[in-house]
Amino acid sequence: MPTESRAARRRPSVLGYPRAHRLTEPAQFVAALGVKPIVRSATFALHARRDPGRASWRYGLVIAKRLEARAVGRNAIKRAWREALRVLTPALLEGLVAHDLVVRLVGKPPVASRAKLTQFCHEEAAKLLPQLRDKLQLVSSQA
């Protein structure tokens, strides 16, 4: 019988973010969700709260069970957004002040297969993240 814990046996995720780049405490989510969404589509809203004391961005996802009842769908949405954030944000958000970013599901996603749901989330991310960058650049240039 191995004596190591389950967490110690788990492989680190290649696509995951280090703990320093994730929102982990409820208070962090409440603070980020306390500001109005900066960009929004019919399905997702992106809330960003400036955090000048930090050197890097932190990300969080809020996918309500009331809007996506299937656990498979909620997990597919989270995976798709994590991948989009991992791929798109380094180039898009370079040079901007660090923020806490929360992606929130605000409308029912299209009911489809997991592959189509993932594709839909990638398309939404590719549309919303450049809008977020443009709005944040506009705000920082006015300050």
Protein backbone atom coordinates (compact mmCIF):
# COMPACT_ATOMS: atom_id res chain seq x y z
CA MET A 1 0.00 0.00 0.00
CA PRO A 2 1.49 3.35 -0.99
CA THR A 3 1.59 5.92 1.77
CA GLU A 4 1.62 9.05 -0.40
CA SER A 5 -1.53 11.11 -0.60
CA ARG A 6 -3.81 11.28 -3.61
CA ALA A 7 -2.75 14.90 -4.26
CA ALA A 8 0.90 13.90 -4.26
CA ARG A 9 0.24 11.17 -6.86
CA ARG A 10 -1.68 13.47 -9.18
CA ARG A 11 0.21 14.64 -12.24
CA PRO A 12 0.53 18.41 -12.65
CA SER A 13 -1.63 19.75 -15.44
CA VAL A 14 0.24 20.89 -18.51
CA LEU A 15 -2.54 23.34 -19.35
CA GLY A 16 -3.13 24.54 -15.81
CA TYR A 17 -2.08 27.83 -14.33
CA PRO A 18 0.18 28.09 -11.32
CA ARG A 19 -1.65 29.00 -8.14
CA ALA A 20 -0.31 32.56 -8.37
CA HIS A 21 -2.32 33.06 -11.58
CA ARG A 22 -5.65 31.78 -10.25
CA LEU A 23 -8.34 33.31 -8.10
CA THR A 24 -8.69 30.85 -5.25
CA GLU A 25 -10.57 32.57 -2.44
CA PRO A 26 -14.26 33.53 -2.48
CA ALA A 27 -13.35 37.08 -1.43
CA GLN A 28 -11.22 37.45 -4.57
CA PHE A 29 -14.17 36.46 -6.75
CA VAL A 30 -16.54 38.78 -4.87
CA ALA A 31 -14.14 41.71 -5.32
CA ALA A 32 -13.75 41.06 -9.06
CA LEU A 33 -17.47 40.50 -9.59
CA GLY A 34 -18.22 43.70 -7.67
CA VAL A 35 -17.25 45.79 -10.70
CA LYS A 36 -19.43 46.06 -13.78
CA PRO A 37 -18.56 43.71 -16.64
CA ILE A 38 -16.07 45.36 -18.97
CA VAL A 39 -17.12 43.35 -22.00
CA ARG A 40 -20.14 41.17 -22.49
CA SER A 41 -21.80 38.92 -25.02
CA ALA A 42 -25.15 37.18 -24.85
CA THR A 43 -23.45 34.23 -23.13
CA PHE A 44 -20.39 35.51 -21.23
CA ALA A 45 -19.37 38.58 -19.21
CA LEU A 46 -15.78 39.49 -18.38
CA HIS A 47 -15.19 41.32 -15.11
CA ALA A 48 -11.76 42.83 -14.52
CA ARG A 49 -10.61 44.49 -11.31
CA ARG A 50 -7.33 46.38 -11.34
CA ASP A 51 -4.72 45.07 -8.95
CA PRO A 52 -1.64 47.33 -9.16
CA GLY A 53 0.11 45.52 -6.31
CA ARG A 54 0.42 42.34 -8.38
CA ALA A 55 2.90 41.65 -11.16
CA SER A 56 0.71 39.14 -13.02
CA TRP A 57 -2.92 38.63 -13.98
CA ARG A 58 -5.15 36.21 -12.08
CA TYR A 59 -8.06 34.36 -13.65
CA GLY A 60 -11.27 32.80 -12.40
CA LEU A 61 -14.33 31.18 -13.95
CA VAL A 62 -17.92 31.26 -12.71
CA ILE A 63 -20.18 28.77 -14.52
CA ALA A 64 -23.59 28.59 -12.85
CA LYS A 65 -25.39 25.28 -12.66
CA ARG A 66 -28.64 27.14 -13.28
CA LEU A 67 -27.42 28.11 -16.78
CA GLU A 68 -25.62 24.86 -17.68
CA ALA A 69 -27.19 21.98 -15.81
CA ARG A 70 -24.93 19.28 -17.24
CA ALA A 71 -21.63 18.81 -15.41
CA VAL A 72 -20.07 17.75 -18.72
CA GLY A 73 -21.09 21.08 -20.23
CA ARG A 74 -19.79 23.13 -17.28
CA ASN A 75 -16.46 21.33 -17.38
CA ALA A 76 -16.18 21.71 -21.16
CA ILE A 77 -16.79 25.46 -20.83
CA LYS A 78 -14.15 25.75 -18.11
CA ARG A 79 -11.60 23.74 -20.11
CA ALA A 80 -12.22 25.77 -23.27
CA TRP A 81 -11.86 29.10 -21.46
CA ARG A 82 -8.71 27.98 -19.61
CA GLU A 83 -7.17 26.96 -22.92
CA ALA A 84 -8.21 30.25 -24.54
CA LEU A 85 -6.78 32.26 -21.65
CA ARG A 86 -3.55 30.27 -21.78
CA VAL A 87 -3.13 30.78 -25.52
CA LEU A 88 -4.56 34.28 -26.10
CA THR A 89 -3.83 36.38 -23.03
CA PRO A 90 -0.02 36.56 -23.03
CA ALA A 91 0.05 38.45 -26.33
CA LEU A 92 -3.18 40.40 -25.81
CA LEU A 93 -2.60 41.65 -22.29
CA GLU A 94 1.13 42.28 -22.45
CA GLY A 95 2.01 45.72 -21.13
CA LEU A 96 -1.27 46.24 -19.26
CA VAL A 97 -1.48 46.65 -15.49
CA ALA A 98 -2.32 43.39 -13.71
CA HIS A 99 -6.01 42.69 -13.11
CA ASP A 100 -8.12 39.98 -11.56
CA LEU A 101 -10.23 38.64 -14.44
CA VAL A 102 -13.41 36.64 -13.94
CA VAL A 103 -15.22 35.02 -16.86
CA ARG A 104 -18.89 34.56 -15.92
CA LEU A 105 -21.57 32.62 -17.78
CA VAL A 106 -24.57 34.96 -18.06
CA GLY A 107 -26.74 33.22 -20.65
CA LYS A 108 -27.51 29.68 -21.67
CA PRO A 109 -24.90 28.34 -24.05
CA PRO A 110 -26.11 26.62 -27.19
CA VAL A 111 -27.12 23.05 -26.49
CA ALA A 112 -24.78 20.99 -28.60
CA SER A 113 -22.18 18.31 -28.45
CA ARG A 114 -19.15 18.86 -26.27
CA ALA A 115 -16.99 19.58 -29.32
CA LYS A 116 -19.38 22.28 -30.57
CA LEU A 117 -19.63 23.79 -27.09
CA THR A 118 -15.83 23.94 -26.88
CA GLN A 119 -15.64 25.55 -30.32
CA PHE A 120 -18.29 28.09 -29.31
CA CYS A 121 -16.33 29.03 -26.17
CA HIS A 122 -13.12 29.46 -28.17
CA GLU A 123 -14.92 31.75 -30.62
CA GLU A 124 -16.40 33.81 -27.78
CA ALA A 125 -12.98 34.11 -26.13
CA ALA A 126 -11.37 35.18 -29.41
CA LYS A 127 -14.04 37.87 -29.74
CA LEU A 128 -14.21 39.11 -26.13
CA LEU A 129 -10.53 39.14 -25.11
CA PRO A 130 -9.45 41.69 -27.78
CA GLN A 131 -12.41 43.87 -26.75
CA LEU A 132 -11.24 43.60 -23.14
CA ARG A 133 -7.72 44.68 -24.13
CA ASP A 134 -9.06 47.67 -26.09
CA LYS A 135 -11.28 48.83 -23.20
CA LEU A 136 -8.49 48.44 -20.64
CA GLN A 137 -6.04 50.35 -22.86
CA LEU A 138 -8.60 53.12 -23.24
CA VAL A 139 -9.12 53.32 -19.47
CA SER A 140 -5.37 53.29 -18.71
CA SER A 141 -4.68 56.01 -21.29
CA GLN A 142 -7.34 58.26 -19.72
CA ALA A 143 -5.92 57.78 -16.21
